[in-house]
Each structure stands twice: as structure tokens, then as C-alpha cells.
Amino acid sequence: MLNQAGLYVKEVSDFTGFPEMMDGRLKTLHPKVHGGLLAIRDNPEHKAMMKEHGIEPIDVLIVNLYPFEER
């Protein structure tokens, strides 16, 4: 829907280099995602770790959740 609205969207599996797994239950649990979200950008140690591990900062993460009891 976001892509169709003309917004730039990057699929999480393209971002991490890992496929969606376990019926979609495992795709955003990855250091590139959590590191990009949780790093303190003005902390020199965090910046160095991000650079060392190829972690890009993430400004916005949109997640579509489903009712777990249905799976």
C-alpha cells in the first residue's frame, strides 16, 4: 500500500539479507533492524559499532502485525 502511494519502501528481507522465516514470524528480529532503531546517534561508541557492522540508522519502521492466535 505504501509503495502504491509513491513512498520509498525497502522490504526487511532486502535490508537484512535474510529471508522471511517460520511463517513470517521471524523477519525483523535482526541486529541491522534493532541496531538501526535503538542506537544513540550522537554516541561515538554506538556510531563506531554501527559502522563496523554495517548498520544503517532507521528513522521509521512500519510493521503489520497479525493476531497470533490465528496462526
PDB file of N, CA and C in Angstrom:
ATOM      1  N   MET A   1       0.826  -1.185   0.000  1.00  0.00           N
ATOM      2  CA  MET A   1       0.000   0.000   0.000  1.00  0.00           C
ATOM      3  C   MET A   1       0.878   1.259   0.000  1.00  0.00           C
ATOM      4  N   LEU A   2       1.945   1.243   0.813  1.00  0.00           N
ATOM      5  CA  LEU A   2       2.836   2.407   0.864  1.00  0.00           C
ATOM      6  C   LEU A   2       3.555   2.605  -0.469  1.00  0.00           C
ATOM      7  N   ASN A   3       4.015   1.504  -1.049  1.00  0.00           N
ATOM      8  CA  ASN A   3       4.653   1.563  -2.365  1.00  0.00           C
ATOM      9  C   ASN A   3       3.701   2.142  -3.399  1.00  0.00           C
ATOM     10  N   GLN A   4       2.477   1.696  -3.380  1.00  0.00           N
ATOM     11  CA  GLN A   4       1.474   2.165  -4.332  1.00  0.00           C
ATOM     12  C   GLN A   4       1.180   3.645  -4.144  1.00  0.00           C
ATOM     13  N   ALA A   5       1.379   4.150  -2.932  1.00  0.00           N
ATOM     14  CA  ALA A   5       1.162   5.568  -2.657  1.00  0.00           C
ATOM     15  C   ALA A   5       2.354   6.420  -3.074  1.00  0.00           C
ATOM     16  N   GLY A   6       3.401   5.763  -3.610  1.00  0.00           N
ATOM     17  CA  GLY A   6       4.560   6.501  -4.098  1.00  0.00           C
ATOM     18  C   GLY A   6       5.653   6.709  -3.074  1.00  0.00           C
ATOM     19  N   LEU A   7       5.548   6.063  -1.909  1.00  0.00           N
ATOM     20  CA  LEU A   7       6.578   6.193  -0.882  1.00  0.00           C
ATOM     21  C   LEU A   7       7.684   5.168  -1.123  1.00  0.00           C
ATOM     22  N   TYR A   8       8.910   5.527  -0.775  1.00  0.00           N
ATOM     23  CA  TYR A   8      10.028   4.601  -0.888  1.00  0.00           C
ATOM     24  C   TYR A   8       9.910   3.566   0.226  1.00  0.00           C
ATOM     25  N   VAL A   9       9.903   2.302  -0.150  1.00  0.00           N
ATOM     26  CA  VAL A   9       9.765   1.211   0.800  1.00  0.00           C
ATOM     27  C   VAL A   9      10.865   0.197   0.533  1.00  0.00           C
ATOM     28  N   LYS A  10      11.496  -0.266   1.585  1.00  0.00           N
ATOM     29  CA  LYS A  10      12.509  -1.308   1.462  1.00  0.00           C
ATOM     30  C   LYS A  10      12.029  -2.494   2.284  1.00  0.00           C
ATOM     31  N   GLU A  11      11.862  -3.630   1.633  1.00  0.00           N
ATOM     32  CA  GLU A  11      11.445  -4.840   2.339  1.00  0.00           C
ATOM     33  C   GLU A  11      12.506  -5.245   3.337  1.00  0.00           C
ATOM     34  N   VAL A  12      12.081  -5.723   4.493  1.00  0.00           N
ATOM     35  CA  VAL A  12      13.020  -6.060   5.562  1.00  0.00           C
ATOM     36  C   VAL A  12      13.993  -7.164   5.119  1.00  0.00           C
ATOM     37  N   SER A  13      13.529  -8.132   4.330  1.00  0.00           N
ATOM     38  CA  SER A  13      14.433  -9.199   3.882  1.00  0.00           C
ATOM     39  C   SER A  13      15.491  -8.658   2.928  1.00  0.00           C
ATOM     40  N   ASP A  14      15.169  -7.640   2.157  1.00  0.00           N
ATOM     41  CA  ASP A  14      16.173  -6.997   1.305  1.00  0.00           C
ATOM     42  C   ASP A  14      17.162  -6.210   2.159  1.00  0.00           C
ATOM     43  N   PHE A  15      16.667  -5.592   3.214  1.00  0.00           N
ATOM     44  CA  PHE A  15      17.506  -4.789   4.102  1.00  0.00           C
ATOM     45  C   PHE A  15      18.494  -5.649   4.890  1.00  0.00           C
ATOM     46  N   THR A  16      18.024  -6.782   5.418  1.00  0.00           N
ATOM     47  CA  THR A  16      18.874  -7.627   6.267  1.00  0.00           C
ATOM     48  C   THR A  16      19.674  -8.658   5.486  1.00  0.00           C
ATOM     49  N   GLY A  17      19.193  -9.019   4.295  1.00  0.00           N
ATOM     50  CA  GLY A  17      19.838 -10.079   3.543  1.00  0.00           C
ATOM     51  C   GLY A  17      19.393 -11.467   3.983  1.00  0.00           C
ATOM     52  N   PHE A  18      18.371 -11.535   4.826  1.00  0.00           N
ATOM     53  CA  PHE A  18      17.830 -12.806   5.301  1.00  0.00           C
ATOM     54  C   PHE A  18      16.381 -12.920   4.850  1.00  0.00           C
ATOM     55  N   PRO A  19      15.945 -14.128   4.501  1.00  0.00           N
ATOM     56  CA  PRO A  19      14.552 -14.292   4.080  1.00  0.00           C
ATOM     57  C   PRO A  19      13.607 -14.294   5.272  1.00  0.00           C
ATOM     58  N   GLU A  20      12.344 -14.041   4.960  1.00  0.00           N
ATOM     59  CA  GLU A  20      11.302 -14.219   5.963  1.00  0.00           C
ATOM     60  C   GLU A  20      11.258 -15.701   6.301  1.00  0.00           C
ATOM     61  N   MET A  21      11.146 -16.032   7.584  1.00  0.00           N
ATOM     62  CA  MET A  21      11.189 -17.430   8.001  1.00  0.00           C
ATOM     63  C   MET A  21      10.046 -17.740   8.957  1.00  0.00           C
ATOM     64  N   MET A  22       9.833 -19.024   9.179  1.00  0.00           N
ATOM     65  CA  MET A  22       8.888 -19.520  10.186  1.00  0.00           C
ATOM     66  C   MET A  22       7.514 -18.890  10.035  1.00  0.00           C
ATOM     67  N   ASP A  23       6.961 -18.998   8.833  1.00  0.00           N
ATOM     68  CA  ASP A  23       5.629 -18.469   8.526  1.00  0.00           C
ATOM     69  C   ASP A  23       5.520 -16.965   8.784  1.00  0.00           C
ATOM     70  N   GLY A  24       6.590 -16.237   8.575  1.00  0.00           N
ATOM     71  CA  GLY A  24       6.571 -14.797   8.766  1.00  0.00           C
ATOM     72  C   GLY A  24       6.829 -14.344  10.183  1.00  0.00           C
ATOM     73  N   ARG A  25       7.059 -15.294  11.082  1.00  0.00           N
ATOM     74  CA  ARG A  25       7.281 -14.938  12.486  1.00  0.00           C
ATOM     75  C   ARG A  25       8.676 -14.365  12.722  1.00  0.00           C
ATOM     76  N   LEU A  26       9.600 -14.658  11.820  1.00  0.00           N
ATOM     77  CA  LEU A  26      10.972 -14.215  12.027  1.00  0.00           C
ATOM     78  C   LEU A  26      11.446 -13.435  10.813  1.00  0.00           C
ATOM     79  N   LYS A  27      11.418 -12.128  10.919  1.00  0.00           N
ATOM     80  CA  LYS A  27      11.956 -11.307   9.852  1.00  0.00           C
ATOM     81  C   LYS A  27      12.534  -9.995  10.357  1.00  0.00           C
ATOM     82  N   THR A  28      11.965  -9.411  11.401  1.00  0.00           N
ATOM     83  CA  THR A  28      12.505  -8.142  11.891  1.00  0.00           C
ATOM     84  C   THR A  28      13.417  -8.314  13.090  1.00  0.00           C
ATOM     85  N   LEU A  29      13.521  -9.535  13.635  1.00  0.00           N
ATOM     86  CA  LEU A  29      14.421  -9.771  14.762  1.00  0.00           C
ATOM     87  C   LEU A  29      15.837  -9.940  14.221  1.00  0.00           C
ATOM     88  N   HIS A  30      16.480  -8.819  13.971  1.00  0.00           N
ATOM     89  CA  HIS A  30      17.803  -8.822  13.346  1.00  0.00           C
ATOM     90  C   HIS A  30      18.586  -7.606  13.850  1.00  0.00           C
ATOM     91  N   PRO A  31      19.902  -7.759  14.090  1.00  0.00           N
ATOM     92  CA  PRO A  31      20.698  -6.627  14.590  1.00  0.00           C
ATOM     93  C   PRO A  31      20.686  -5.416  13.667  1.00  0.00           C
ATOM     94  N   LYS A  32      20.566  -5.622  12.356  1.00  0.00           N
ATOM     95  CA  LYS A  32      20.533  -4.471  11.455  1.00  0.00           C
ATOM     96  C   LYS A  32      19.264  -3.644  11.672  1.00  0.00           C
ATOM     97  N   VAL A  33      18.194  -4.301  12.060  1.00  0.00           N
ATOM     98  CA  VAL A  33      16.940  -3.582  12.322  1.00  0.00           C
ATOM     99  C   VAL A  33      16.977  -2.963  13.714  1.00  0.00           C
ATOM    100  N   HIS A  34      17.218  -3.770  14.726  1.00  0.00           N
ATOM    101  CA  HIS A  34      17.187  -3.261  16.102  1.00  0.00           C
ATOM    102  C   HIS A  34      18.329  -2.286  16.369  1.00  0.00           C
ATOM    103  N   GLY A  35      19.499  -2.550  15.821  1.00  0.00           N
ATOM    104  CA  GLY A  35      20.616  -1.619  15.976  1.00  0.00           C
ATOM    105  C   GLY A  35      20.319  -0.283  15.324  1.00  0.00           C
ATOM    106  N   GLY A  36      19.704  -0.330  14.141  1.00  0.00           N
ATOM    107  CA  GLY A  36      19.358   0.895  13.434  1.00  0.00           C
ATOM    108  C   GLY A  36      18.315   1.723  14.146  1.00  0.00           C
ATOM    109  N   LEU A  37      17.438   1.035  14.885  1.00  0.00           N
ATOM    110  CA  LEU A  37      16.395   1.734  15.636  1.00  0.00           C
ATOM    111  C   LEU A  37      16.865   2.224  17.002  1.00  0.00           C
ATOM    112  N   LEU A  38      17.675   1.420  17.686  1.00  0.00           N
ATOM    113  CA  LEU A  38      17.997   1.679  19.094  1.00  0.00           C
ATOM    114  C   LEU A  38      19.308   2.433  19.335  1.00  0.00           C
ATOM    115  N   ALA A  39      20.154   2.516  18.332  1.00  0.00           N
ATOM    116  CA  ALA A  39      21.442   3.194  18.522  1.00  0.00           C
ATOM    117  C   ALA A  39      21.227   4.663  18.884  1.00  0.00           C
ATOM    118  N   ILE A  40      22.053   5.151  19.759  1.00  0.00           N
ATOM    119  CA  ILE A  40      22.050   6.578  20.099  1.00  0.00           C
ATOM    120  C   ILE A  40      23.003   7.239  19.114  1.00  0.00           C
ATOM    121  N   ARG A  41      22.460   8.025  18.242  1.00  0.00           N
ATOM    122  CA  ARG A  41      23.213   8.521  17.085  1.00  0.00           C
ATOM    123  C   ARG A  41      24.347   9.473  17.429  1.00  0.00           C
ATOM    124  N   ASP A  42      24.264  10.159  18.565  1.00  0.00           N
ATOM    125  CA  ASP A  42      25.357  11.060  18.914  1.00  0.00           C
ATOM    126  C   ASP A  42      26.341  10.413  19.898  1.00  0.00           C
ATOM    127  N   ASN A  43      26.221   9.107  20.110  1.00  0.00           N
ATOM    128  CA  ASN A  43      27.148   8.360  20.966  1.00  0.00           C
ATOM    129  C   ASN A  43      28.258   7.802  20.083  1.00  0.00           C
ATOM    130  N   PRO A  44      29.503   8.244  20.288  1.00  0.00           N
ATOM    131  CA  PRO A  44      30.609   7.798  19.432  1.00  0.00           C
ATOM    132  C   PRO A  44      30.805   6.278  19.418  1.00  0.00           C
ATOM    133  N   GLU A  45      30.578   5.610  20.543  1.00  0.00           N
ATOM    134  CA  GLU A  45      30.727   4.155  20.576  1.00  0.00           C
ATOM    135  C   GLU A  45      29.643   3.483  19.727  1.00  0.00           C
ATOM    136  N   HIS A  46      28.443   3.967  19.818  1.00  0.00           N
ATOM    137  CA  HIS A  46      27.354   3.415  19.011  1.00  0.00           C
ATOM    138  C   HIS A  46      27.641   3.639  17.528  1.00  0.00           C
ATOM    139  N   LYS A  47      28.087   4.853  17.183  1.00  0.00           N
ATOM    140  CA  LYS A  47      28.398   5.164  15.790  1.00  0.00           C
ATOM    141  C   LYS A  47      29.490   4.246  15.259  1.00  0.00           C
ATOM    142  N   ALA A  48      30.503   3.987  16.078  1.00  0.00           N
ATOM    143  CA  ALA A  48      31.603   3.113  15.654  1.00  0.00           C
ATOM    144  C   ALA A  48      31.115   1.680  15.443  1.00  0.00           C
ATOM    145  N   MET A  49      30.270   1.195  16.351  1.00  0.00           N
ATOM    146  CA  MET A  49      29.736  -0.168  16.208  1.00  0.00           C
ATOM    147  C   MET A  49      28.849  -0.278  14.972  1.00  0.00           C
ATOM    148  N   MET A  50      28.051   0.754  14.723  1.00  0.00           N
ATOM    149  CA  MET A  50      27.198   0.741  13.536  1.00  0.00           C
ATOM    150  C   MET A  50      28.051   0.682  12.273  1.00  0.00           C
ATOM    151  N   LYS A  51      29.091   1.473  12.232  1.00  0.00           N
ATOM    152  CA  LYS A  51      29.961   1.477  11.061  1.00  0.00           C
ATOM    153  C   LYS A  51      30.648   0.119  10.896  1.00  0.00           C
ATOM    154  N   GLU A  52      31.159  -0.424  11.986  1.00  0.00           N
ATOM    155  CA  GLU A  52      31.873  -1.710  11.948  1.00  0.00           C
ATOM    156  C   GLU A  52      30.981  -2.841  11.435  1.00  0.00           C
ATOM    157  N   HIS A  53      29.710  -2.803  11.785  1.00  0.00           N
ATOM    158  CA  HIS A  53      28.811  -3.907  11.448  1.00  0.00           C
ATOM    159  C   HIS A  53      27.838  -3.589  10.308  1.00  0.00           C
ATOM    160  N   GLY A  54      28.045  -2.455   9.659  1.00  0.00           N
ATOM    161  CA  GLY A  54      27.210  -2.104   8.513  1.00  0.00           C
ATOM    162  C   GLY A  54      25.758  -1.854   8.870  1.00  0.00           C
ATOM    163  N   ILE A  55      25.537  -1.240  10.032  1.00  0.00           N
ATOM    164  CA  ILE A  55      24.175  -0.947  10.493  1.00  0.00           C
ATOM    165  C   ILE A  55      23.839   0.496  10.127  1.00  0.00           C
ATOM    166  N   GLU A  56      22.748   0.657   9.393  1.00  0.00           N
ATOM    167  CA  GLU A  56      22.292   1.985   8.998  1.00  0.00           C
ATOM    168  C   GLU A  56      21.238   2.478   9.987  1.00  0.00           C
ATOM    169  N   PRO A  57      21.219   3.773  10.274  1.00  0.00           N
ATOM    170  CA  PRO A  57      20.165   4.282  11.155  1.00  0.00           C
ATOM    171  C   PRO A  57      18.798   4.164  10.491  1.00  0.00           C
ATOM    172  N   ILE A  58      17.790   3.869  11.281  1.00  0.00           N
ATOM    173  CA  ILE A  58      16.421   3.753  10.788  1.00  0.00           C
ATOM    174  C   ILE A  58      15.585   4.821  11.469  1.00  0.00           C
ATOM    175  N   ASP A  59      14.916   5.639  10.671  1.00  0.00           N
ATOM    176  CA  ASP A  59      14.062   6.701  11.206  1.00  0.00           C
ATOM    177  C   ASP A  59      12.638   6.216  11.448  1.00  0.00           C
ATOM    178  N   VAL A  60      12.126   5.385  10.552  1.00  0.00           N
ATOM    179  CA  VAL A  60      10.751   4.924  10.646  1.00  0.00           C
ATOM    180  C   VAL A  60      10.703   3.442  10.283  1.00  0.00           C
ATOM    181  N   LEU A  61      10.005   2.672  11.081  1.00  0.00           N
ATOM    182  CA  LEU A  61       9.776   1.259  10.798  1.00  0.00           C
ATOM    183  C   LEU A  61       8.276   1.015  10.864  1.00  0.00           C
ATOM    184  N   ILE A  62       7.724   0.501   9.792  1.00  0.00           N
ATOM    185  CA  ILE A  62       6.300   0.209   9.747  1.00  0.00           C
ATOM    186  C   ILE A  62       6.144  -1.303   9.754  1.00  0.00           C
ATOM    187  N   VAL A  63       5.335  -1.787  10.683  1.00  0.00           N
ATOM    188  CA  VAL A  63       5.162  -3.221  10.872  1.00  0.00           C
ATOM    189  C   VAL A  63       3.684  -3.543  10.767  1.00  0.00           C
ATOM    190  N   ASN A  64       3.379  -4.591  10.028  1.00  0.00           N
ATOM    191  CA  ASN A  64       1.996  -5.064  10.002  1.00  0.00           C
ATOM    192  C   ASN A  64       1.926  -6.333  10.843  1.00  0.00           C
ATOM    193  N   LEU A  65       1.156  -6.277  11.893  1.00  0.00           N
ATOM    194  CA  LEU A  65       1.012  -7.408  12.796  1.00  0.00           C
ATOM    195  C   LEU A  65      -0.278  -8.149  12.499  1.00  0.00           C
ATOM    196  N   TYR A  66      -0.301  -9.404  12.870  1.00  0.00           N
ATOM    197  CA  TYR A  66      -1.494 -10.214  12.687  1.00  0.00           C
ATOM    198  C   TYR A  66      -1.853 -10.819  14.037  1.00  0.00           C
ATOM    199  N   PRO A  67      -3.083 -11.202  14.229  1.00  0.00           N
ATOM    200  CA  PRO A  67      -3.476 -11.850  15.504  1.00  0.00           C
ATOM    201  C   PRO A  67      -2.755 -13.196  15.637  1.00  0.00           C
ATOM    202  N   PHE A  68      -1.923 -13.328  16.640  1.00  0.00           N
ATOM    203  CA  PHE A  68      -1.123 -14.529  16.799  1.00  0.00           C
ATOM    204  C   PHE A  68      -1.967 -15.791  16.964  1.00  0.00           C
ATOM    205  N   GLU A  69      -3.123 -15.665  17.564  1.00  0.00           N
ATOM    206  CA  GLU A  69      -3.934 -16.863  17.784  1.00  0.00           C
ATOM    207  C   GLU A  69      -4.452 -17.460  16.476  1.00  0.00           C
ATOM    208  N   GLU A  70      -4.467 -16.693  15.388  1.00  0.00           N
ATOM    209  CA  GLU A  70      -4.920 -17.213  14.115  1.00  0.00           C
ATOM    210  C   GLU A  70      -3.870 -18.069  13.434  1.00  0.00           C
ATOM    211  N   ARG A  71      -2.612 -17.959  13.803  1.00  0.00           N
ATOM    212  CA  ARG A  71      -1.546 -18.722  13.160  1.00  0.00           C
ATOM    213  C   ARG A  71      -1.369 -19.985  13.907  1.00  0.00           C
TER     214      ARG A  71
END
